Amino acid sequence: MKKEIQPRLMRMRQLTDYTAMSRAHLYHKIAEGDLNPGYMISPGIRVWEKSEIDAWLDKRMGRA
């Protein structure tokens, strides 16, 4: 049985798939200050920590 590796960092495409939210909605939440803007790990590459996204989703769902 092969164990699936969960990524620690997610780029925007992975973030939209993972959260089932559109890119525009996520950027709106960033502009509102509700979602952290992520981290620039190199020029033009922004990533988000999966653990921070999980905590943000839990908070939105009333689980925090």
N, C-alpha and C. Protein backbone atom coordinates (compact mmCIF):
# COMPACT_ATOMS: atom_id res chain seq x y z
N MET A 1 0.84 -1.17 0.00
CA MET A 1 0.00 0.00 0.00
C MET A 1 0.89 1.23 0.00
N LYS A 2 0.71 2.08 -1.02
CA LYS A 2 1.54 3.27 -1.16
C LYS A 2 0.93 4.43 -0.38
N LYS A 3 1.75 5.08 0.44
CA LYS A 3 1.30 6.21 1.24
C LYS A 3 1.43 7.49 0.41
N GLU A 4 0.34 8.27 0.34
CA GLU A 4 0.36 9.51 -0.43
C GLU A 4 1.07 10.59 0.39
N ILE A 5 1.96 11.30 -0.25
CA ILE A 5 2.70 12.37 0.41
C ILE A 5 1.91 13.66 0.30
N GLN A 6 1.66 14.29 1.44
CA GLN A 6 0.97 15.57 1.47
C GLN A 6 1.99 16.68 1.35
N PRO A 7 1.76 17.64 0.45
CA PRO A 7 2.72 18.74 0.33
C PRO A 7 2.66 19.66 1.54
N ARG A 8 3.81 20.19 1.92
CA ARG A 8 3.86 21.15 3.01
C ARG A 8 3.51 22.54 2.50
N LEU A 9 3.97 22.85 1.29
CA LEU A 9 3.73 24.14 0.68
C LEU A 9 2.84 23.97 -0.55
N MET A 10 1.95 24.95 -0.75
CA MET A 10 1.06 24.89 -1.90
C MET A 10 1.16 26.18 -2.69
N ARG A 11 1.19 26.05 -4.00
CA ARG A 11 1.12 27.22 -4.88
C ARG A 11 -0.36 27.50 -5.14
N MET A 12 -0.65 28.60 -5.81
CA MET A 12 -2.04 29.03 -5.99
C MET A 12 -2.90 27.96 -6.65
N ARG A 13 -2.41 27.29 -7.66
CA ARG A 13 -3.21 26.25 -8.33
C ARG A 13 -3.58 25.15 -7.34
N GLN A 14 -2.64 24.73 -6.53
CA GLN A 14 -2.93 23.70 -5.52
C GLN A 14 -3.89 24.24 -4.46
N LEU A 15 -3.71 25.51 -4.11
CA LEU A 15 -4.56 26.14 -3.10
C LEU A 15 -6.02 26.20 -3.57
N THR A 16 -6.24 26.56 -4.83
CA THR A 16 -7.61 26.62 -5.34
C THR A 16 -8.23 25.22 -5.39
N ASP A 17 -7.45 24.23 -5.78
CA ASP A 17 -7.96 22.85 -5.79
C ASP A 17 -8.27 22.38 -4.37
N TYR A 18 -7.37 22.66 -3.44
CA TYR A 18 -7.49 22.18 -2.07
C TYR A 18 -8.68 22.82 -1.34
N THR A 19 -8.88 24.13 -1.54
CA THR A 19 -9.94 24.84 -0.82
C THR A 19 -11.27 24.84 -1.56
N ALA A 20 -11.26 24.49 -2.85
CA ALA A 20 -12.45 24.57 -3.70
C ALA A 20 -12.96 26.00 -3.79
N MET A 21 -12.04 26.96 -3.70
CA MET A 21 -12.36 28.38 -3.84
C MET A 21 -11.61 28.92 -5.05
N SER A 22 -12.20 29.92 -5.69
CA SER A 22 -11.56 30.49 -6.87
C SER A 22 -10.34 31.33 -6.48
N ARG A 23 -9.49 31.51 -7.45
CA ARG A 23 -8.31 32.36 -7.27
C ARG A 23 -8.73 33.78 -6.88
N ALA A 24 -9.75 34.32 -7.57
CA ALA A 24 -10.24 35.67 -7.28
C ALA A 24 -10.75 35.78 -5.84
N HIS A 25 -11.48 34.76 -5.40
CA HIS A 25 -12.00 34.78 -4.02
C HIS A 25 -10.86 34.75 -3.01
N LEU A 26 -9.87 33.93 -3.26
CA LEU A 26 -8.73 33.85 -2.34
C LEU A 26 -7.98 35.17 -2.29
N TYR A 27 -7.76 35.80 -3.45
CA TYR A 27 -7.09 37.10 -3.46
C TYR A 27 -7.93 38.17 -2.76
N HIS A 28 -9.24 38.07 -2.87
CA HIS A 28 -10.13 38.98 -2.15
C HIS A 28 -9.96 38.80 -0.64
N LYS A 29 -9.88 37.56 -0.19
CA LYS A 29 -9.68 37.29 1.24
C LYS A 29 -8.32 37.80 1.71
N ILE A 30 -7.31 37.72 0.85
CA ILE A 30 -6.00 38.25 1.19
C ILE A 30 -6.08 39.77 1.33
N ALA A 31 -6.76 40.44 0.38
CA ALA A 31 -6.91 41.90 0.41
C ALA A 31 -7.66 42.36 1.65
N GLU A 32 -8.64 41.55 2.10
CA GLU A 32 -9.40 41.87 3.31
C GLU A 32 -8.58 41.63 4.58
N GLY A 33 -7.49 40.91 4.46
CA GLY A 33 -6.69 40.57 5.64
C GLY A 33 -7.15 39.31 6.33
N ASP A 34 -8.09 38.60 5.72
CA ASP A 34 -8.63 37.37 6.31
C ASP A 34 -7.72 36.17 6.07
N LEU A 35 -6.99 36.20 4.97
CA LEU A 35 -6.08 35.11 4.61
C LEU A 35 -4.68 35.66 4.47
N ASN A 36 -3.71 34.94 5.01
CA ASN A 36 -2.33 35.42 4.92
C ASN A 36 -1.88 35.43 3.46
N PRO A 37 -1.03 36.40 3.09
CA PRO A 37 -0.65 36.54 1.68
C PRO A 37 0.35 35.51 1.19
N GLY A 38 0.74 34.59 2.02
CA GLY A 38 1.69 33.57 1.60
C GLY A 38 3.12 34.06 1.70
N TYR A 39 4.03 33.31 1.14
CA TYR A 39 5.46 33.58 1.24
C TYR A 39 6.09 33.52 -0.14
N MET A 40 6.88 34.53 -0.46
CA MET A 40 7.62 34.52 -1.72
C MET A 40 8.89 33.72 -1.49
N ILE A 41 8.99 32.55 -2.12
CA ILE A 41 10.18 31.72 -1.91
C ILE A 41 11.23 31.96 -2.98
N SER A 42 10.83 32.59 -4.07
CA SER A 42 11.76 33.07 -5.09
C SER A 42 10.97 34.04 -5.96
N PRO A 43 11.63 34.81 -6.82
CA PRO A 43 10.89 35.79 -7.63
C PRO A 43 9.76 35.12 -8.43
N GLY A 44 8.56 35.61 -8.21
CA GLY A 44 7.40 35.10 -8.94
C GLY A 44 6.79 33.82 -8.39
N ILE A 45 7.34 33.28 -7.32
CA ILE A 45 6.80 32.04 -6.74
C ILE A 45 6.33 32.30 -5.32
N ARG A 46 5.02 32.29 -5.16
CA ARG A 46 4.38 32.49 -3.85
C ARG A 46 3.79 31.16 -3.41
N VAL A 47 3.96 30.84 -2.15
CA VAL A 47 3.44 29.59 -1.60
C VAL A 47 2.74 29.86 -0.27
N TRP A 48 1.88 28.91 0.10
CA TRP A 48 1.19 28.95 1.37
C TRP A 48 1.47 27.66 2.11
N GLU A 49 1.62 27.77 3.44
CA GLU A 49 1.83 26.57 4.28
C GLU A 49 0.50 25.84 4.42
N LYS A 50 0.50 24.54 4.15
CA LYS A 50 -0.72 23.74 4.25
C LYS A 50 -1.31 23.81 5.65
N SER A 51 -0.47 23.77 6.66
CA SER A 51 -0.97 23.81 8.05
C SER A 51 -1.69 25.13 8.34
N GLU A 52 -1.21 26.25 7.78
CA GLU A 52 -1.88 27.54 7.98
C GLU A 52 -3.21 27.58 7.24
N ILE A 53 -3.26 26.98 6.06
CA ILE A 53 -4.52 26.92 5.30
C ILE A 53 -5.52 26.04 6.03
N ASP A 54 -5.07 24.92 6.58
CA ASP A 54 -5.96 24.04 7.35
C ASP A 54 -6.55 24.79 8.55
N ALA A 55 -5.72 25.55 9.26
CA ALA A 55 -6.18 26.32 10.43
C ALA A 55 -7.19 27.39 9.98
N TRP A 56 -6.92 28.05 8.86
CA TRP A 56 -7.82 29.07 8.33
C TRP A 56 -9.18 28.46 7.95
N LEU A 57 -9.14 27.31 7.30
CA LEU A 57 -10.39 26.63 6.93
C LEU A 57 -11.16 26.19 8.16
N ASP A 58 -10.45 25.64 9.16
CA ASP A 58 -11.12 25.24 10.41
C ASP A 58 -11.81 26.42 11.06
N LYS A 59 -11.15 27.57 11.08
CA LYS A 59 -11.71 28.78 11.67
C LYS A 59 -12.98 29.18 10.92
N ARG A 60 -12.94 29.14 9.60
CA ARG A 60 -14.11 29.51 8.77
C ARG A 60 -15.26 28.54 9.00
N MET A 61 -14.95 27.30 9.33
CA MET A 61 -15.99 26.29 9.53
C MET A 61 -16.42 26.20 10.99
N GLY A 62 -15.89 27.08 11.85
CA GLY A 62 -16.28 27.11 13.24
C GLY A 62 -15.66 26.02 14.08
N ARG A 63 -14.54 25.48 13.63
CA ARG A 63 -13.89 24.39 14.37
C ARG A 63 -12.71 24.87 15.20
N ALA A 64 -12.41 26.15 15.16
CA ALA A 64 -11.23 26.66 15.88
C ALA A 64 -11.59 27.20 17.24
